[in-house]
Amino acid sequence: MYSKRSLIVFLTGVNIVLLTALVFSVSSPPAAIAQVAPGRPGDFMIATGSVTNQLDAVFIIDSPGRLLHCFLPAQNKSGQLMHAQTRSLANDFRSR
């Protein structure tokens, strides 16, 4: 028959498996919540990127207008974004 020690190790392993199953069945990742704006889906795309080592920017691509808008954090550190520049994607990607 099994020794006491091997039985305790086996039961501890079963408890760990049951605890893991319980945690994964109870907790679920947060749902992604998005809002659909009026218009056609895909008209606008948003991306973030690093401009410098200490500065990130938000880029909004306007597909119908073929424009790229760049927003940077405000200088007063208020948490707001200010419009920095707009680029014409039609001009940037036309064949030369």
PDB file of N, CA and C in Angstrom:
ATOM      1  N   MET A   1       0.832  -1.171   0.000  1.00  0.00           N
ATOM      2  CA  MET A   1       0.000   0.000   0.000  1.00  0.00           C
ATOM      3  C   MET A   1       0.883   1.243   0.000  1.00  0.00           C
ATOM      4  N   TYR A   2       0.273   2.386  -0.161  1.00  0.00           N
ATOM      5  CA  TYR A   2       1.011   3.638  -0.237  1.00  0.00           C
ATOM      6  C   TYR A   2       1.428   4.106   1.159  1.00  0.00           C
ATOM      7  N   SER A   3       2.573   4.765   1.182  1.00  0.00           N
ATOM      8  CA  SER A   3       3.018   5.311   2.460  1.00  0.00           C
ATOM      9  C   SER A   3       2.266   6.612   2.751  1.00  0.00           C
ATOM     10  N   LYS A   4       2.320   7.029   3.986  1.00  0.00           N
ATOM     11  CA  LYS A   4       1.645   8.260   4.389  1.00  0.00           C
ATOM     12  C   LYS A   4       2.177   9.467   3.630  1.00  0.00           C
ATOM     13  N   ARG A   5       3.472   9.508   3.445  1.00  0.00           N
ATOM     14  CA  ARG A   5       4.110  10.653   2.779  1.00  0.00           C
ATOM     15  C   ARG A   5       3.656  10.764   1.327  1.00  0.00           C
ATOM     16  N   SER A   6       3.627   9.653   0.589  1.00  0.00           N
ATOM     17  CA  SER A   6       3.207   9.716  -0.813  1.00  0.00           C
ATOM     18  C   SER A   6       1.733  10.077  -0.925  1.00  0.00           C
ATOM     19  N   LEU A   7       0.917   9.656   0.025  1.00  0.00           N
ATOM     20  CA  LEU A   7      -0.491  10.017   0.016  1.00  0.00           C
ATOM     21  C   LEU A   7      -0.670  11.514   0.251  1.00  0.00           C
ATOM     22  N   ILE A   8       0.104  12.099   1.155  1.00  0.00           N
ATOM     23  CA  ILE A   8       0.036  13.544   1.417  1.00  0.00           C
ATOM     24  C   ILE A   8       0.491  14.329   0.188  1.00  0.00           C
ATOM     25  N   VAL A   9       1.549  13.892  -0.475  1.00  0.00           N
ATOM     26  CA  VAL A   9       2.034  14.565  -1.684  1.00  0.00           C
ATOM     27  C   VAL A   9       0.976  14.499  -2.776  1.00  0.00           C
ATOM     28  N   PHE A  10       0.349  13.335  -2.936  1.00  0.00           N
ATOM     29  CA  PHE A  10      -0.691  13.177  -3.954  1.00  0.00           C
ATOM     30  C   PHE A  10      -1.881  14.090  -3.666  1.00  0.00           C
ATOM     31  N   LEU A  11      -2.347  14.112  -2.422  1.00  0.00           N
ATOM     32  CA  LEU A  11      -3.494  14.952  -2.070  1.00  0.00           C
ATOM     33  C   LEU A  11      -3.169  16.444  -2.185  1.00  0.00           C
ATOM     34  N   THR A  12      -1.946  16.827  -1.871  1.00  0.00           N
ATOM     35  CA  THR A  12      -1.521  18.222  -2.049  1.00  0.00           C
ATOM     36  C   THR A  12      -1.559  18.601  -3.528  1.00  0.00           C
ATOM     37  N   GLY A  13      -1.092  17.702  -4.396  1.00  0.00           N
ATOM     38  CA  GLY A  13      -1.132  17.943  -5.845  1.00  0.00           C
ATOM     39  C   GLY A  13      -2.551  18.077  -6.356  1.00  0.00           C
ATOM     40  N   VAL A  14      -3.459  17.225  -5.871  1.00  0.00           N
ATOM     41  CA  VAL A  14      -4.867  17.309  -6.265  1.00  0.00           C
ATOM     42  C   VAL A  14      -5.454  18.643  -5.813  1.00  0.00           C
ATOM     43  N   ASN A  15      -5.124  19.081  -4.605  1.00  0.00           N
ATOM     44  CA  ASN A  15      -5.625  20.370  -4.113  1.00  0.00           C
ATOM     45  C   ASN A  15      -5.118  21.530  -4.960  1.00  0.00           C
ATOM     46  N   ILE A  16      -3.877  21.485  -5.378  1.00  0.00           N
ATOM     47  CA  ILE A  16      -3.324  22.554  -6.224  1.00  0.00           C
ATOM     48  C   ILE A  16      -4.037  22.593  -7.561  1.00  0.00           C
ATOM     49  N   VAL A  17      -4.291  21.426  -8.150  1.00  0.00           N
ATOM     50  CA  VAL A  17      -5.004  21.375  -9.433  1.00  0.00           C
ATOM     51  C   VAL A  17      -6.420  21.907  -9.269  1.00  0.00           C
ATOM     52  N   LEU A  18      -7.101  21.522  -8.209  1.00  0.00           N
ATOM     53  CA  LEU A  18      -8.466  22.013  -7.970  1.00  0.00           C
ATOM     54  C   LEU A  18      -8.490  23.516  -7.719  1.00  0.00           C
ATOM     55  N   LEU A  19      -7.522  24.029  -6.975  1.00  0.00           N
ATOM     56  CA  LEU A  19      -7.452  25.461  -6.731  1.00  0.00           C
ATOM     57  C   LEU A  19      -7.205  26.228  -8.030  1.00  0.00           C
ATOM     58  N   THR A  20      -6.319  25.724  -8.870  1.00  0.00           N
ATOM     59  CA  THR A  20      -6.047  26.364 -10.166  1.00  0.00           C
ATOM     60  C   THR A  20      -7.303  26.381 -11.031  1.00  0.00           C
ATOM     61  N   ALA A  21      -8.022  25.264 -11.072  1.00  0.00           N
ATOM     62  CA  ALA A  21      -9.261  25.207 -11.854  1.00  0.00           C
ATOM     63  C   ALA A  21     -10.294  26.183 -11.312  1.00  0.00           C
ATOM     64  N   LEU A  22     -10.376  26.303  -9.998  1.00  0.00           N
ATOM     65  CA  LEU A  22     -11.322  27.226  -9.387  1.00  0.00           C
ATOM     66  C   LEU A  22     -10.988  28.677  -9.721  1.00  0.00           C
ATOM     67  N   VAL A  23      -9.721  29.027  -9.646  1.00  0.00           N
ATOM     68  CA  VAL A  23      -9.302  30.403  -9.937  1.00  0.00           C
ATOM     69  C   VAL A  23      -9.602  30.753 -11.388  1.00  0.00           C
ATOM     70  N   PHE A  24      -9.306  29.846 -12.322  1.00  0.00           N
ATOM     71  CA  PHE A  24      -9.540  30.148 -13.732  1.00  0.00           C
ATOM     72  C   PHE A  24     -11.018  30.135 -14.096  1.00  0.00           C
ATOM     73  N   SER A  25     -11.835  29.408 -13.369  1.00  0.00           N
ATOM     74  CA  SER A  25     -13.257  29.399 -13.694  1.00  0.00           C
ATOM     75  C   SER A  25     -13.979  30.597 -13.094  1.00  0.00           C
ATOM     76  N   VAL A  26     -13.493  31.124 -11.990  1.00  0.00           N
ATOM     77  CA  VAL A  26     -14.146  32.260 -11.325  1.00  0.00           C
ATOM     78  C   VAL A  26     -13.694  33.579 -11.922  1.00  0.00           C
ATOM     79  N   SER A  27     -12.402  33.749 -12.115  1.00  0.00           N
ATOM     80  CA  SER A  27     -11.898  35.019 -12.640  1.00  0.00           C
ATOM     81  C   SER A  27     -11.816  34.953 -14.154  1.00  0.00           C
ATOM     82  N   SER A  28     -12.261  36.007 -14.775  1.00  0.00           N
ATOM     83  CA  SER A  28     -12.176  36.097 -16.228  1.00  0.00           C
ATOM     84  C   SER A  28     -11.516  37.420 -16.583  1.00  0.00           C
ATOM     85  N   PRO A  29     -10.872  37.486 -17.736  1.00  0.00           N
ATOM     86  CA  PRO A  29     -10.241  38.758 -18.110  1.00  0.00           C
ATOM     87  C   PRO A  29     -11.299  39.831 -18.314  1.00  0.00           C
ATOM     88  N   PRO A  30     -10.930  41.090 -18.085  1.00  0.00           N
ATOM     89  CA  PRO A  30     -11.910  42.164 -18.256  1.00  0.00           C
ATOM     90  C   PRO A  30     -12.366  42.262 -19.709  1.00  0.00           C
ATOM     91  N   ALA A  31     -13.613  42.577 -19.878  1.00  0.00           N
ATOM     92  CA  ALA A  31     -14.167  42.692 -21.225  1.00  0.00           C
ATOM     93  C   ALA A  31     -13.687  43.981 -21.877  1.00  0.00           C
ATOM     94  N   ALA A  32     -13.414  43.907 -23.153  1.00  0.00           N
ATOM     95  CA  ALA A  32     -13.041  45.098 -23.906  1.00  0.00           C
ATOM     96  C   ALA A  32     -14.320  45.849 -24.260  1.00  0.00           C
ATOM     97  N   ILE A  33     -14.355  47.110 -23.898  1.00  0.00           N
ATOM     98  CA  ILE A  33     -15.547  47.913 -24.139  1.00  0.00           C
ATOM     99  C   ILE A  33     -15.194  48.994 -25.159  1.00  0.00           C
ATOM    100  N   ALA A  34     -15.947  49.035 -26.221  1.00  0.00           N
ATOM    101  CA  ALA A  34     -15.698  50.026 -27.265  1.00  0.00           C
ATOM    102  C   ALA A  34     -17.025  50.654 -27.667  1.00  0.00           C
ATOM    103  N   GLN A  35     -16.944  51.834 -28.203  1.00  0.00           N
ATOM    104  CA  GLN A  35     -18.135  52.516 -28.672  1.00  0.00           C
ATOM    105  C   GLN A  35     -18.079  52.602 -30.187  1.00  0.00           C
ATOM    106  N   VAL A  36     -19.208  52.389 -30.796  1.00  0.00           N
ATOM    107  CA  VAL A  36     -19.293  52.493 -32.245  1.00  0.00           C
ATOM    108  C   VAL A  36     -19.803  53.883 -32.569  1.00  0.00           C
ATOM    109  N   ALA A  37     -19.012  54.613 -33.324  1.00  0.00           N
ATOM    110  CA  ALA A  37     -19.410  55.964 -33.720  1.00  0.00           C
ATOM    111  C   ALA A  37     -20.266  55.874 -34.982  1.00  0.00           C
ATOM    112  N   PRO A  38     -21.092  56.882 -35.204  1.00  0.00           N
ATOM    113  CA  PRO A  38     -21.867  56.881 -36.442  1.00  0.00           C
ATOM    114  C   PRO A  38     -20.931  56.897 -37.650  1.00  0.00           C
ATOM    115  N   GLY A  39     -21.322  56.246 -38.666  1.00  0.00           N
ATOM    116  CA  GLY A  39     -20.486  56.155 -39.860  1.00  0.00           C
ATOM    117  C   GLY A  39     -20.131  54.713 -40.129  1.00  0.00           C
ATOM    118  N   ARG A  40     -19.270  54.521 -41.044  1.00  0.00           N
ATOM    119  CA  ARG A  40     -18.865  53.165 -41.411  1.00  0.00           C
ATOM    120  C   ARG A  40     -17.751  52.686 -40.498  1.00  0.00           C
ATOM    121  N   PRO A  41     -17.775  51.419 -40.096  1.00  0.00           N
ATOM    122  CA  PRO A  41     -16.672  50.891 -39.284  1.00  0.00           C
ATOM    123  C   PRO A  41     -15.365  50.940 -40.067  1.00  0.00           C
ATOM    124  N   GLY A  42     -14.302  51.269 -39.405  1.00  0.00           N
ATOM    125  CA  GLY A  42     -13.002  51.310 -40.063  1.00  0.00           C
ATOM    126  C   GLY A  42     -12.642  52.649 -40.654  1.00  0.00           C
ATOM    127  N   ASP A  43     -13.491  53.654 -40.471  1.00  0.00           N
ATOM    128  CA  ASP A  43     -13.159  54.974 -40.998  1.00  0.00           C
ATOM    129  C   ASP A  43     -11.965  55.584 -40.272  1.00  0.00           C
ATOM    130  N   PHE A  44     -11.825  55.252 -38.991  1.00  0.00           N
ATOM    131  CA  PHE A  44     -10.731  55.797 -38.195  1.00  0.00           C
ATOM    132  C   PHE A  44     -10.010  54.664 -37.480  1.00  0.00           C
ATOM    133  N   MET A  45      -8.698  54.779 -37.402  1.00  0.00           N
ATOM    134  CA  MET A  45      -7.891  53.832 -36.643  1.00  0.00           C
ATOM    135  C   MET A  45      -7.010  54.630 -35.695  1.00  0.00           C
ATOM    136  N   ILE A  46      -6.799  54.101 -34.504  1.00  0.00           N
ATOM    137  CA  ILE A  46      -5.994  54.786 -33.494  1.00  0.00           C
ATOM    138  C   ILE A  46      -4.796  53.912 -33.156  1.00  0.00           C
ATOM    139  N   ALA A  47      -3.634  54.531 -33.068  1.00  0.00           N
ATOM    140  CA  ALA A  47      -2.406  53.832 -32.688  1.00  0.00           C
ATOM    141  C   ALA A  47      -1.588  54.749 -31.797  1.00  0.00           C
ATOM    142  N   THR A  48      -0.794  54.146 -30.944  1.00  0.00           N
ATOM    143  CA  THR A  48       0.129  54.924 -30.118  1.00  0.00           C
ATOM    144  C   THR A  48       1.549  54.590 -30.524  1.00  0.00           C
ATOM    145  N   GLY A  49       2.441  55.512 -30.273  1.00  0.00           N
ATOM    146  CA  GLY A  49       3.837  55.274 -30.628  1.00  0.00           C
ATOM    147  C   GLY A  49       4.757  56.220 -29.896  1.00  0.00           C
ATOM    148  N   SER A  50       5.997  55.828 -29.825  1.00  0.00           N
ATOM    149  CA  SER A  50       7.018  56.634 -29.168  1.00  0.00           C
ATOM    150  C   SER A  50       7.552  57.672 -30.143  1.00  0.00           C
ATOM    151  N   VAL A  51       7.580  58.917 -29.701  1.00  0.00           N
ATOM    152  CA  VAL A  51       8.160  59.977 -30.514  1.00  0.00           C
ATOM    153  C   VAL A  51       9.621  60.169 -30.113  1.00  0.00           C
ATOM    154  N   THR A  52       9.863  60.200 -28.807  1.00  0.00           N
ATOM    155  CA  THR A  52      11.220  60.229 -28.259  1.00  0.00           C
ATOM    156  C   THR A  52      11.267  59.217 -27.122  1.00  0.00           C
ATOM    157  N   ASN A  53      12.385  59.152 -26.423  1.00  0.00           N
ATOM    158  CA  ASN A  53      12.499  58.208 -25.309  1.00  0.00           C
ATOM    159  C   ASN A  53      11.507  58.494 -24.193  1.00  0.00           C
ATOM    160  N   GLN A  54      11.119  59.758 -24.024  1.00  0.00           N
ATOM    161  CA  GLN A  54      10.253  60.126 -22.905  1.00  0.00           C
ATOM    162  C   GLN A  54       8.912  60.697 -23.344  1.00  0.00           C
ATOM    163  N   LEU A  55       8.583  60.576 -24.614  1.00  0.00           N
ATOM    164  CA  LEU A  55       7.352  61.176 -25.114  1.00  0.00           C
ATOM    165  C   LEU A  55       6.644  60.206 -26.050  1.00  0.00           C
ATOM    166  N   ASP A  56       5.374  59.925 -25.741  1.00  0.00           N
ATOM    167  CA  ASP A  56       4.537  59.086 -26.588  1.00  0.00           C
ATOM    168  C   ASP A  56       3.494  59.967 -27.269  1.00  0.00           C
ATOM    169  N   ALA A  57       2.974  59.472 -28.376  1.00  0.00           N
ATOM    170  CA  ALA A  57       1.969  60.210 -29.123  1.00  0.00           C
ATOM    171  C   ALA A  57       0.815  59.287 -29.471  1.00  0.00           C
ATOM    172  N   VAL A  58      -0.341  59.889 -29.736  1.00  0.00           N
ATOM    173  CA  VAL A  58      -1.510  59.166 -30.219  1.00  0.00           C
ATOM    174  C   VAL A  58      -1.694  59.569 -31.680  1.00  0.00           C
ATOM    175  N   PHE A  59      -1.772  58.576 -32.554  1.00  0.00           N
ATOM    176  CA  PHE A  59      -1.964  58.818 -33.979  1.00  0.00           C
ATOM    177  C   PHE A  59      -3.353  58.345 -34.369  1.00  0.00           C
ATOM    178  N   ILE A  60      -4.087  59.182 -35.087  1.00  0.00           N
ATOM    179  CA  ILE A  60      -5.406  58.823 -35.595  1.00  0.00           C
ATOM    180  C   ILE A  60      -5.345  58.870 -37.115  1.00  0.00           C
ATOM    181  N   ILE A  61      -5.680  57.739 -37.723  1.00  0.00           N
ATOM    182  CA  ILE A  61      -5.676  57.654 -39.182  1.00  0.00           C
ATOM    183  C   ILE A  61      -7.109  57.802 -39.669  1.00  0.00           C
ATOM    184  N   ASP A  62      -7.327  58.812 -40.484  1.00  0.00           N
ATOM    185  CA  ASP A  62      -8.627  59.085 -41.102  1.00  0.00           C
ATOM    186  C   ASP A  62      -8.597  58.433 -42.484  1.00  0.00           C
ATOM    187  N   SER A  63      -9.188  57.240 -42.598  1.00  0.00           N
ATOM    188  CA  SER A  63      -9.117  56.488 -43.855  1.00  0.00           C
ATOM    189  C   SER A  63      -9.800  57.186 -45.021  1.00  0.00           C
ATOM    190  N   PRO A  64     -11.047  57.664 -44.885  1.00  0.00           N
ATOM    191  CA  PRO A  64     -11.672  58.316 -46.038  1.00  0.00           C
ATOM    192  C   PRO A  64     -10.941  59.592 -46.467  1.00  0.00           C
ATOM    193  N   GLY A  65     -10.442  60.355 -45.499  1.00  0.00           N
ATOM    194  CA  GLY A  65      -9.743  61.591 -45.825  1.00  0.00           C
ATOM    195  C   GLY A  65      -8.278  61.382 -46.144  1.00  0.00           C
ATOM    196  N   ARG A  66      -7.770  60.162 -45.906  1.00  0.00           N
ATOM    197  CA  ARG A  66      -6.366  59.799 -46.134  1.00  0.00           C
ATOM    198  C   ARG A  66      -5.439  60.777 -45.405  1.00  0.00           C
ATOM    199  N   LEU A  67      -5.742  60.969 -44.095  1.00  0.00           N
ATOM    200  CA  LEU A  67      -4.966  61.878 -43.265  1.00  0.00           C
ATOM    201  C   LEU A  67      -4.473  61.158 -42.015  1.00  0.00           C
ATOM    202  N   LEU A  68      -3.337  61.612 -41.486  1.00  0.00           N
ATOM    203  CA  LEU A  68      -2.793  61.114 -40.229  1.00  0.00           C
ATOM    204  C   LEU A  68      -2.710  62.295 -39.277  1.00  0.00           C
ATOM    205  N   HIS A  69      -3.401  62.186 -38.137  1.00  0.00           N
ATOM    206  CA  HIS A  69      -3.391  63.239 -37.129  1.00  0.00           C
ATOM    207  C   HIS A  69      -2.529  62.775 -35.967  1.00  0.00           C
ATOM    208  N   CYS A  70      -1.705  63.675 -35.443  1.00  0.00           N
ATOM    209  CA  CYS A  70      -0.825  63.365 -34.322  1.00  0.00           C
ATOM    210  C   CYS A  70      -1.226  64.230 -33.125  1.00  0.00           C
ATOM    211  N   PHE A  71      -1.415  63.569 -31.977  1.00  0.00           N
ATOM    212  CA  PHE A  71      -1.760  64.262 -30.739  1.00  0.00           C
ATOM    213  C   PHE A  71      -0.677  63.978 -29.707  1.00  0.00           C
ATOM    214  N   LEU A  72      -0.236  65.031 -29.013  1.00  0.00           N
ATOM    215  CA  LEU A  72       0.797  64.920 -27.978  1.00  0.00           C
ATOM    216  C   LEU A  72       0.236  65.379 -26.639  1.00  0.00           C
ATOM    217  N   PRO A  73       0.832  64.941 -25.534  1.00  0.00           N
ATOM    218  CA  PRO A  73       0.385  65.438 -24.223  1.00  0.00           C
ATOM    219  C   PRO A  73       0.607  66.937 -24.113  1.00  0.00           C
ATOM    220  N   ALA A  74      -0.309  67.614 -23.407  1.00  0.00           N
ATOM    221  CA  ALA A  74      -0.189  69.060 -23.216  1.00  0.00           C
ATOM    222  C   ALA A  74       1.040  69.368 -22.361  1.00  0.00           C
ATOM    223  N   GLN A  75       1.643  70.527 -22.574  1.00  0.00           N
ATOM    224  CA  GLN A  75       2.853  70.924 -21.866  1.00  0.00           C
ATOM    225  C   GLN A  75       2.614  71.123 -20.366  1.00  0.00           C
ATOM    226  N   ASN A  76       1.388  71.484 -19.977  1.00  0.00           N
ATOM    227  CA  ASN A  76       1.108  71.772 -18.569  1.00  0.00           C
ATOM    228  C   ASN A  76       0.808  70.510 -17.756  1.00  0.00           C
ATOM    229  N   LYS A  77       0.980  69.337 -18.351  1.00  0.00           N
ATOM    230  CA  LYS A  77       0.791  68.042 -17.681  1.00  0.00           C
ATOM    231  C   LYS A  77      -0.603  67.903 -17.085  1.00  0.00           C
ATOM    232  N   SER A  78      -1.606  68.412 -17.798  1.00  0.00           N
ATOM    233  CA  SER A  78      -2.991  68.338 -17.334  1.00  0.00           C
ATOM    234  C   SER A  78      -3.643  67.016 -17.711  1.00  0.00           C
ATOM    235  N   GLY A  79      -2.965  66.189 -18.477  1.00  0.00           N
ATOM    236  CA  GLY A  79      -3.536  64.919 -18.914  1.00  0.00           C
ATOM    237  C   GLY A  79      -4.306  65.032 -20.213  1.00  0.00           C
ATOM    238  N   GLN A  80      -4.368  66.220 -20.772  1.00  0.00           N
ATOM    239  CA  GLN A  80      -5.087  66.419 -22.029  1.00  0.00           C
ATOM    240  C   GLN A  80      -4.128  66.249 -23.198  1.00  0.00           C
ATOM    241  N   LEU A  81      -4.705  65.979 -24.352  1.00  0.00           N
ATOM    242  CA  LEU A  81      -3.919  65.871 -25.585  1.00  0.00           C
ATOM    243  C   LEU A  81      -4.137  67.110 -26.428  1.00  0.00           C
ATOM    244  N   MET A  82      -3.082  67.540 -27.102  1.00  0.00           N
ATOM    245  CA  MET A  82      -3.214  68.672 -28.023  1.00  0.00           C
ATOM    246  C   MET A  82      -2.828  68.204 -29.426  1.00  0.00           C
ATOM    247  N   HIS A  83      -3.531  68.741 -30.397  1.00  0.00           N
ATOM    248  CA  HIS A  83      -3.272  68.376 -31.794  1.00  0.00           C
ATOM    249  C   HIS A  83      -1.934  68.953 -32.214  1.00  0.00           C
ATOM    250  N   ALA A  84      -1.022  68.107 -32.656  1.00  0.00           N
ATOM    251  CA  ALA A  84       0.320  68.566 -33.005  1.00  0.00           C
ATOM    252  C   ALA A  84       0.481  68.794 -34.505  1.00  0.00           C
ATOM    253  N   GLN A  85       0.032  67.825 -35.316  1.00  0.00           N
ATOM    254  CA  GLN A  85       0.268  67.941 -36.749  1.00  0.00           C
ATOM    255  C   GLN A  85      -0.674  67.010 -37.505  1.00  0.00           C
ATOM    256  N   THR A  86      -0.950  67.363 -38.754  1.00  0.00           N
ATOM    257  CA  THR A  86      -1.715  66.514 -39.668  1.00  0.00           C
ATOM    258  C   THR A  86      -0.873  66.275 -40.902  1.00  0.00           C
ATOM    259  N   ARG A  87      -0.819  65.007 -41.328  1.00  0.00           N
ATOM    260  CA  ARG A  87      -0.083  64.644 -42.553  1.00  0.00           C
ATOM    261  C   ARG A  87      -1.061  64.103 -43.575  1.00  0.00           C
ATOM    262  N   SER A  88      -0.809  64.393 -44.829  1.00  0.00           N
ATOM    263  CA  SER A  88      -1.614  63.841 -45.910  1.00  0.00           C
ATOM    264  C   SER A  88      -0.984  62.523 -46.348  1.00  0.00           C
ATOM    265  N   LEU A  89      -1.688  61.428 -46.116  1.00  0.00           N
ATOM    266  CA  LEU A  89      -1.166  60.123 -46.524  1.00  0.00           C
ATOM    267  C   LEU A  89      -1.168  59.971 -48.040  1.00  0.00           C
ATOM    268  N   ALA A  90      -2.082  60.656 -48.694  1.00  0.00           N
ATOM    269  CA  ALA A  90      -2.110  60.600 -50.157  1.00  0.00           C
ATOM    270  C   ALA A  90      -0.820  61.182 -50.733  1.00  0.00           C
ATOM    271  N   ASN A  91      -0.353  62.291 -50.165  1.00  0.00           N
ATOM    272  CA  ASN A  91       0.904  62.889 -50.636  1.00  0.00           C
ATOM    273  C   ASN A  91       2.123  62.061 -50.232  1.00  0.00           C
ATOM    274  N   ASP A  92       2.090  61.488 -49.016  1.00  0.00           N
ATOM    275  CA  ASP A  92       3.246  60.741 -48.537  1.00  0.00           C
ATOM    276  C   ASP A  92       3.453  59.422 -49.280  1.00  0.00           C
ATOM    277  N   PHE A  93       2.368  58.807 -49.749  1.00  0.00           N
ATOM    278  CA  PHE A  93       2.493  57.486 -50.363  1.00  0.00           C
ATOM    279  C   PHE A  93       2.231  57.464 -51.862  1.00  0.00           C
ATOM    280  N   ARG A  94       2.200  58.591 -52.479  1.00  0.00           N
ATOM    281  CA  ARG A  94       2.022  58.573 -53.933  1.00  0.00           C
ATOM    282  C   ARG A  94       3.325  58.157 -54.600  1.00  0.00           C
ATOM    283  N   SER A  95       3.214  57.567 -55.764  1.00  0.00           N
ATOM    284  CA  SER A  95       4.430  57.109 -56.465  1.00  0.00           C
ATOM    285  C   SER A  95       5.150  58.311 -57.055  1.00  0.00           C
ATOM    286  N   ARG A  96       6.449  58.258 -56.966  1.00  0.00           N
ATOM    287  CA  ARG A  96       7.261  59.393 -57.422  1.00  0.00           C
ATOM    288  C   ARG A  96       7.863  59.081 -58.759  1.00  0.00           C
TER     289      ARG A  96
END
